[in-house]
Each structure stands twice: as C-alpha cells, then as structure tokens.
Amino acid sequence: MYRLSRLKYVFPLGLFVALFLDGSFSKIFAPLMFSYPYSMSSQLVMLWLVLSFFLEENIHIPLVWFAVLAGAVADLYYSGILGLFIFLYPLIILLTRALDRLLDRNFLNMILIFFIDLVVFESLNYLAYRIIGVIHQGFSDFLVDSLAPTLALNLVYFVIFFWPVSRIYHWALSKRRRA
C-alpha cells in the first residue's frame, strides 16, 4: 500500500503516542480542562489522523483502517466497550478527504478543515450521548460550555504540533542517506 520507509514505523508510533497523551493530558490537567461548567476534550488522535492525511505525500496510508483501529482502542481503553470512536474517527477521515478536494491545500485551509472536523466530531458525540440519555445538557449549553473550549484547545494543539509533525513526516519520507 505505501512504500517501505520510516513512515511505516513513525505513523503507528505517533498514533499510539497521541492516544496515550489524550488520556494523560485529560488526567493531568483535569482541574483546568473540567472546571464547572466548562469542559474541554483533548483530540490528539484526531489531530494525528488529520495531519497524517495532509502530510502523507501520496504514500496512501490506509487512514480509514487505522482510524477504525484507533477508535476501537480508544473505545475499549476509555469506556471498556466499543462505542462511538470506532465510527467517528473514520468518518472524520472521510470528511477531511471530501473537504480537501474542495479547498486548496495551505495552512489556513488545513486549520479550517480541522475546525470543521472538530465541530462535526464533537456535535455527533454530543448528539449520540444525548439520544441515549447519558447527558442532559441543552444544545446551547453544549456550544458554550463544551464545544467552544474544545475548539480552542484543539486549535492551539494544531498550531503547536503542525510544524513538529510536518518535520517528522519530512524526515520519515526522506530517502535514507548512504553511508
């Protein structure tokens, strides 16, 4: 599928680190991230998947399948049952692919696509939990208390991690130097 390179090691390792850091950041910074009535959701796994889509340079990583795998691991690790992430992560990759076809690829459009991805992801997550009765928060409260802080946090993540991740991808995709 994708040519043999360092990327075959870097991508899954980055995905694992993102999965680990999502939970770790939420635990370590819980007083900051979950200060009533506000709550922020760290979405580093989604950030890694979306950045990988933008940075893969025609390597064609099977992102949808990795998204399903990451969703299954996230669901099992965080909730103990297969739930929403196994469906939402691949959906976000497909949405990213569709939006990328509509817009020129530059930094501002990438951040716009990530913004739309976050809104869709968090809104579908809210809607599903609202339907099954896990949460009883109204939509306007969700927008102000959960979605806005989540967007702010994850857009800061995008800006901070874009250049280091792009350097990692550049290194992983570069040809090996001869000795």
Protein backbone atom coordinates (compact mmCIF):
# COMPACT_ATOMS: atom_id res chain seq x y z
CA MET A 1 0.00 0.00 0.00
CA TYR A 2 2.55 2.60 0.99
CA ARG A 3 6.22 2.31 0.12
CA LEU A 4 8.61 0.95 2.68
CA SER A 5 10.04 3.84 4.61
CA ARG A 6 10.45 5.07 8.10
CA LEU A 7 6.84 6.22 7.93
CA LYS A 8 5.58 2.67 8.45
CA TYR A 9 7.06 2.92 11.94
CA VAL A 10 6.54 6.62 12.61
CA PHE A 11 2.81 6.73 11.81
CA PRO A 12 1.65 3.92 14.16
CA LEU A 13 4.02 5.08 16.89
CA GLY A 14 2.66 8.64 16.61
CA LEU A 15 -0.88 7.32 16.69
CA PHE A 16 -0.12 5.35 19.86
CA VAL A 17 1.56 8.37 21.48
CA ALA A 18 -1.43 10.56 20.58
CA LEU A 19 -3.81 8.00 22.09
CA PHE A 20 -1.73 7.83 25.25
CA LEU A 21 -1.35 11.62 25.54
CA ASP A 22 -5.09 12.24 25.08
CA GLY A 23 -5.83 10.33 28.25
CA SER A 24 -2.76 11.59 30.09
CA PHE A 25 -3.48 15.26 29.37
CA SER A 26 -7.07 14.80 30.47
CA LYS A 27 -5.92 13.22 33.74
CA ILE A 28 -3.04 15.59 34.48
CA PHE A 29 -4.85 18.79 33.54
CA ALA A 30 -8.31 17.73 34.77
CA PRO A 31 -8.72 20.76 37.06
CA LEU A 32 -8.11 23.06 34.08
CA MET A 33 -9.97 21.06 31.45
CA PHE A 34 -13.04 20.20 33.50
CA SER A 35 -13.80 23.28 35.56
CA TYR A 36 -17.58 23.51 36.02
CA PRO A 37 -19.47 24.37 33.86
CA TYR A 38 -16.79 24.15 31.18
CA SER A 39 -15.16 21.03 29.79
CA MET A 40 -12.54 20.57 27.10
CA SER A 41 -11.86 17.42 25.14
CA SER A 42 -8.33 16.70 24.02
CA GLN A 43 -8.45 15.24 20.49
CA LEU A 44 -4.81 14.44 19.75
CA VAL A 45 -5.71 11.17 17.99
CA MET A 46 -7.95 13.03 15.58
CA LEU A 47 -5.23 15.67 15.14
CA TRP A 48 -2.66 12.97 14.30
CA LEU A 49 -5.01 11.33 11.81
CA VAL A 50 -5.90 14.62 10.10
CA LEU A 51 -2.29 15.83 9.98
CA SER A 52 -1.29 12.45 8.59
CA PHE A 53 -3.84 12.88 5.82
CA PHE A 54 -2.33 16.26 4.92
CA LEU A 55 1.32 15.23 5.23
CA GLU A 56 1.42 11.73 3.74
CA GLU A 57 2.59 12.94 0.28
CA ASN A 58 0.95 10.30 -1.91
CA ILE A 59 2.09 7.41 0.28
CA HIS A 60 -1.56 6.47 0.82
CA ILE A 61 -1.54 5.27 4.39
CA PRO A 62 -4.74 3.26 4.92
CA LEU A 63 -6.00 6.01 7.25
CA VAL A 64 -9.59 4.81 7.41
CA TRP A 65 -8.47 1.41 8.70
CA PHE A 66 -6.04 2.97 11.15
CA ALA A 67 -8.88 5.27 12.26
CA VAL A 68 -11.12 2.24 12.88
CA LEU A 69 -8.31 0.60 14.87
CA ALA A 70 -7.62 3.78 16.85
CA GLY A 71 -11.34 4.17 17.51
CA ALA A 72 -11.62 0.59 18.75
CA VAL A 73 -8.61 1.00 21.04
CA ALA A 74 -9.89 4.36 22.35
CA ASP A 75 -13.35 2.93 22.97
CA LEU A 76 -12.06 -0.16 24.74
CA TYR A 77 -9.43 1.70 26.74
CA TYR A 78 -11.55 4.63 27.88
CA SER A 79 -15.00 3.06 28.21
CA GLY A 80 -14.50 -0.71 28.08
CA ILE A 81 -16.99 -1.17 25.24
CA LEU A 82 -16.97 -0.47 21.52
CA GLY A 83 -18.72 2.83 21.10
CA LEU A 84 -18.64 5.98 19.08
CA PHE A 85 -14.96 6.48 18.30
CA ILE A 86 -14.79 3.35 16.15
CA PHE A 87 -17.27 5.08 13.81
CA LEU A 88 -16.41 8.74 14.31
CA TYR A 89 -12.66 8.60 13.58
CA PRO A 90 -13.12 7.00 10.13
CA LEU A 91 -15.99 9.39 9.42
CA ILE A 92 -13.69 12.33 10.17
CA ILE A 93 -11.06 10.97 7.76
CA LEU A 94 -13.70 10.69 5.03
CA LEU A 95 -14.94 14.22 5.81
CA THR A 96 -11.37 15.53 5.71
CA ARG A 97 -10.82 13.87 2.34
CA ALA A 98 -14.04 15.42 0.97
CA LEU A 99 -13.23 18.91 2.27
CA ASP A 100 -9.66 18.69 0.99
CA ARG A 101 -10.99 18.20 -2.54
CA LEU A 102 -12.94 21.46 -2.24
CA LEU A 103 -10.15 23.69 -0.90
CA ASP A 104 -6.59 24.45 -1.89
CA ARG A 105 -4.13 22.90 0.50
CA ASN A 106 -2.47 25.57 2.64
CA PHE A 107 -2.08 26.09 6.36
CA LEU A 108 -5.23 28.20 6.82
CA ASN A 109 -7.41 25.77 4.88
CA MET A 110 -5.96 22.83 6.81
CA ILE A 111 -6.82 24.51 10.09
CA LEU A 112 -10.30 25.33 8.73
CA ILE A 113 -10.82 21.67 7.77
CA PHE A 114 -9.63 20.57 11.21
CA PHE A 115 -12.03 23.10 12.77
CA ILE A 116 -14.94 21.65 10.77
CA ASP A 117 -13.82 18.12 11.69
CA LEU A 118 -13.85 19.03 15.38
CA VAL A 119 -17.30 20.61 15.19
CA VAL A 120 -18.74 17.56 13.42
CA PHE A 121 -16.97 15.09 15.73
CA GLU A 122 -17.98 16.80 18.97
CA SER A 123 -21.53 17.51 17.76
CA LEU A 124 -22.12 13.89 16.72
CA ASN A 125 -20.63 12.72 20.01
CA TYR A 126 -22.96 15.09 21.89
CA LEU A 127 -25.97 14.04 19.83
CA ALA A 128 -25.34 10.33 20.39
CA TYR A 129 -24.93 10.77 24.15
CA ARG A 130 -27.99 13.00 24.25
CA ILE A 131 -30.12 10.41 22.40
CA ILE A 132 -29.17 7.57 24.74
CA GLY A 133 -29.65 9.77 27.81
CA VAL A 134 -26.08 9.89 29.09
CA ILE A 135 -26.10 13.68 29.11
CA HIS A 136 -28.93 16.11 29.62
CA GLN A 137 -27.14 19.32 28.64
CA GLY A 138 -29.02 21.58 26.22
CA PHE A 139 -27.51 22.31 22.81
CA SER A 140 -26.78 25.97 23.60
CA ASP A 141 -25.03 24.95 26.82
CA PHE A 142 -23.06 22.37 24.85
CA LEU A 143 -21.95 25.05 22.37
CA VAL A 144 -20.75 27.44 25.06
CA ASP A 145 -19.56 25.10 27.81
CA SER A 146 -18.07 22.20 25.83
CA LEU A 147 -17.66 22.88 22.12
CA ALA A 148 -16.07 26.33 22.33
CA PRO A 149 -13.40 25.33 24.91
CA THR A 150 -12.71 22.09 22.98
CA LEU A 151 -12.26 24.03 19.74
CA ALA A 152 -9.93 26.50 21.44
CA LEU A 153 -7.77 23.76 22.98
CA ASN A 154 -7.51 21.64 19.85
CA LEU A 155 -6.84 24.56 17.51
CA VAL A 156 -3.97 25.53 19.80
CA TYR A 157 -2.78 21.91 19.53
CA PHE A 158 -2.96 22.18 15.74
CA VAL A 159 -0.84 25.34 15.67
CA ILE A 160 1.69 23.98 18.17
CA PHE A 161 2.03 20.49 16.66
CA PHE A 162 1.76 21.25 12.93
CA TRP A 163 5.40 22.14 12.36
CA PRO A 164 6.98 19.43 14.55
CA VAL A 165 4.73 16.76 12.99
CA SER A 166 5.46 18.05 9.49
CA ARG A 167 9.21 17.85 10.26
CA ILE A 168 8.77 14.28 11.50
CA TYR A 169 6.91 13.40 8.29
CA HIS A 170 9.53 15.11 6.18
CA TRP A 171 12.25 13.08 7.91
CA ALA A 172 10.25 9.83 7.69
CA LEU A 173 9.57 10.29 3.98
CA SER A 174 13.10 11.36 3.05
CA LYS A 175 15.35 8.85 1.37
CA ARG A 176 17.87 7.19 3.60
CA ARG A 177 21.34 8.63 3.38
CA ARG A 178 24.08 6.45 2.07
CA ALA A 179 26.92 5.65 4.43
